Amino acid sequence: MVMGQLDAAAKAYRAAEVAVQRAEETATARLKAARDARAEARHRLAEAIVDAAREGTRQVDIIRITGYSRERVRTILRAAGVEPD
């Protein structure tokens, strides 16, 4: 009976180890996907900021809408060759 309990406990432990490894792999993949999506969203936001500035949107309005600092908006605009107002 003790050997049966030991065997069952060892199998349960190995199964738990595999489950942890799979969970870590899944979490890593999900984290990478979320980071990639964030980078893409950041890029799209920068493009939208540049487009808005080129269309005449005031910098103060861009700042209010995006939540970015004035300096961050200026940096994005300068990188795109747009001189902020």
C-alpha atoms as a PDB file:
ATOM      1  CA  MET A   1       0.000   0.000   0.000  1.00  0.00           C
ATOM      2  CA  VAL A   2       2.822   2.437   0.857  1.00  0.00           C
ATOM      3  CA  MET A   3       4.471   1.709  -2.511  1.00  0.00           C
ATOM      4  CA  GLY A   4       1.182   2.444  -4.268  1.00  0.00           C
ATOM      5  CA  GLN A   5       0.909   5.800  -2.485  1.00  0.00           C
ATOM      6  CA  LEU A   6       4.517   6.613  -3.288  1.00  0.00           C
ATOM      7  CA  ASP A   7       4.015   5.749  -6.951  1.00  0.00           C
ATOM      8  CA  ALA A   8       0.821   7.812  -7.132  1.00  0.00           C
ATOM      9  CA  ALA A   9       2.477  10.779  -5.423  1.00  0.00           C
ATOM     10  CA  ALA A  10       5.471  10.602  -7.769  1.00  0.00           C
ATOM     11  CA  LYS A  11       3.196  10.472 -10.829  1.00  0.00           C
ATOM     12  CA  ALA A  12       1.151  13.394  -9.514  1.00  0.00           C
ATOM     13  CA  TYR A  13       4.307  15.407  -8.947  1.00  0.00           C
ATOM     14  CA  ARG A  14       5.602  14.711 -12.461  1.00  0.00           C
ATOM     15  CA  ALA A  15       2.224  15.685 -13.904  1.00  0.00           C
ATOM     16  CA  ALA A  16       2.284  18.906 -11.884  1.00  0.00           C
ATOM     17  CA  GLU A  17       5.789  19.681 -13.159  1.00  0.00           C
ATOM     18  CA  VAL A  18       4.614  19.225 -16.751  1.00  0.00           C
ATOM     19  CA  ALA A  19       1.575  21.404 -16.066  1.00  0.00           C
ATOM     20  CA  VAL A  20       3.780  24.187 -14.689  1.00  0.00           C
ATOM     21  CA  GLN A  21       6.084  23.988 -17.710  1.00  0.00           C
ATOM     22  CA  ARG A  22       3.129  24.173 -20.115  1.00  0.00           C
ATOM     23  CA  ALA A  23       1.628  27.078 -18.185  1.00  0.00           C
ATOM     24  CA  GLU A  24       4.944  28.947 -18.325  1.00  0.00           C
ATOM     25  CA  GLU A  25       5.219  28.343 -22.072  1.00  0.00           C
ATOM     26  CA  THR A  26       1.657  29.544 -22.606  1.00  0.00           C
ATOM     27  CA  ALA A  27       2.227  32.595 -20.426  1.00  0.00           C
ATOM     28  CA  THR A  28       5.430  33.420 -22.293  1.00  0.00           C
ATOM     29  CA  ALA A  29       3.643  33.196 -25.633  1.00  0.00           C
ATOM     30  CA  ARG A  30       0.749  35.335 -24.391  1.00  0.00           C
ATOM     31  CA  LEU A  31       3.145  37.924 -22.975  1.00  0.00           C
ATOM     32  CA  LYS A  32       5.036  38.097 -26.273  1.00  0.00           C
ATOM     33  CA  ALA A  33       1.779  38.520 -28.188  1.00  0.00           C
ATOM     34  CA  ALA A  34       0.652  41.279 -25.817  1.00  0.00           C
ATOM     35  CA  ARG A  35       3.997  43.077 -26.122  1.00  0.00           C
ATOM     36  CA  ASP A  36       3.884  42.809 -29.907  1.00  0.00           C
ATOM     37  CA  ALA A  37       0.337  44.205 -29.926  1.00  0.00           C
ATOM     38  CA  ARG A  38       1.436  47.069 -27.677  1.00  0.00           C
ATOM     39  CA  ALA A  39       4.333  47.916 -29.991  1.00  0.00           C
ATOM     40  CA  GLU A  40       2.025  47.902 -33.007  1.00  0.00           C
ATOM     41  CA  ALA A  41      -0.518  50.091 -31.190  1.00  0.00           C
ATOM     42  CA  ARG A  42       2.255  52.513 -30.193  1.00  0.00           C
ATOM     43  CA  HIS A  43       3.371  52.705 -33.824  1.00  0.00           C
ATOM     44  CA  ARG A  44      -0.194  53.342 -35.028  1.00  0.00           C
ATOM     45  CA  LEU A  45      -0.631  56.030 -32.381  1.00  0.00           C
ATOM     46  CA  ALA A  46       2.558  57.764 -33.500  1.00  0.00           C
ATOM     47  CA  GLU A  47       1.333  57.692 -37.093  1.00  0.00           C
ATOM     48  CA  ALA A  48      -2.024  59.114 -36.010  1.00  0.00           C
ATOM     49  CA  ILE A  49      -0.275  61.877 -34.052  1.00  0.00           C
ATOM     50  CA  VAL A  50       1.753  62.833 -37.121  1.00  0.00           C
ATOM     51  CA  ASP A  51      -1.318  62.746 -39.369  1.00  0.00           C
ATOM     52  CA  ALA A  52      -3.292  64.878 -36.924  1.00  0.00           C
ATOM     53  CA  ALA A  53      -0.507  67.444 -36.666  1.00  0.00           C
ATOM     54  CA  ARG A  54      -0.148  67.619 -40.436  1.00  0.00           C
ATOM     55  CA  GLU A  55      -3.892  68.200 -40.730  1.00  0.00           C
ATOM     56  CA  GLY A  56      -3.666  71.130 -38.342  1.00  0.00           C
ATOM     57  CA  THR A  57      -4.708  69.626 -35.015  1.00  0.00           C
ATOM     58  CA  ARG A  58      -3.307  71.718 -32.205  1.00  0.00           C
ATOM     59  CA  GLN A  59      -0.581  70.116 -30.142  1.00  0.00           C
ATOM     60  CA  VAL A  60      -2.508  70.795 -26.936  1.00  0.00           C
ATOM     61  CA  ASP A  61      -5.410  68.751 -28.332  1.00  0.00           C
ATOM     62  CA  ILE A  62      -3.095  65.902 -29.359  1.00  0.00           C
ATOM     63  CA  ILE A  63      -1.655  65.905 -25.839  1.00  0.00           C
ATOM     64  CA  ARG A  64      -5.107  65.888 -24.246  1.00  0.00           C
ATOM     65  CA  ILE A  65      -6.357  63.034 -26.422  1.00  0.00           C
ATOM     66  CA  THR A  66      -3.271  60.812 -26.221  1.00  0.00           C
ATOM     67  CA  GLY A  67      -2.232  61.466 -22.650  1.00  0.00           C
ATOM     68  CA  TYR A  68       1.347  61.885 -23.849  1.00  0.00           C
ATOM     69  CA  SER A  69       3.519  64.661 -22.508  1.00  0.00           C
ATOM     70  CA  ARG A  70       4.264  67.694 -24.643  1.00  0.00           C
ATOM     71  CA  GLU A  71       7.862  66.514 -24.993  1.00  0.00           C
ATOM     72  CA  ARG A  72       6.828  63.027 -26.125  1.00  0.00           C
ATOM     73  CA  VAL A  73       4.539  64.499 -28.780  1.00  0.00           C
ATOM     74  CA  ARG A  74       7.320  66.816 -29.938  1.00  0.00           C
ATOM     75  CA  THR A  75       9.736  63.899 -30.147  1.00  0.00           C
ATOM     76  CA  ILE A  76       7.309  61.887 -32.281  1.00  0.00           C
ATOM     77  CA  LEU A  77       6.638  64.848 -34.557  1.00  0.00           C
ATOM     78  CA  ARG A  78      10.297  65.711 -34.981  1.00  0.00           C
ATOM     79  CA  ALA A  79      11.135  62.110 -35.823  1.00  0.00           C
ATOM     80  CA  ALA A  80       8.570  62.349 -38.625  1.00  0.00           C
ATOM     81  CA  GLY A  81       9.941  65.670 -39.843  1.00  0.00           C
ATOM     82  CA  VAL A  82       7.068  67.744 -38.492  1.00  0.00           C
ATOM     83  CA  GLU A  83       7.903  70.857 -36.526  1.00  0.00           C
ATOM     84  CA  PRO A  84       5.407  71.227 -33.679  1.00  0.00           C
ATOM     85  CA  ASP A  85       3.627  74.509 -33.071  1.00  0.00           C
END
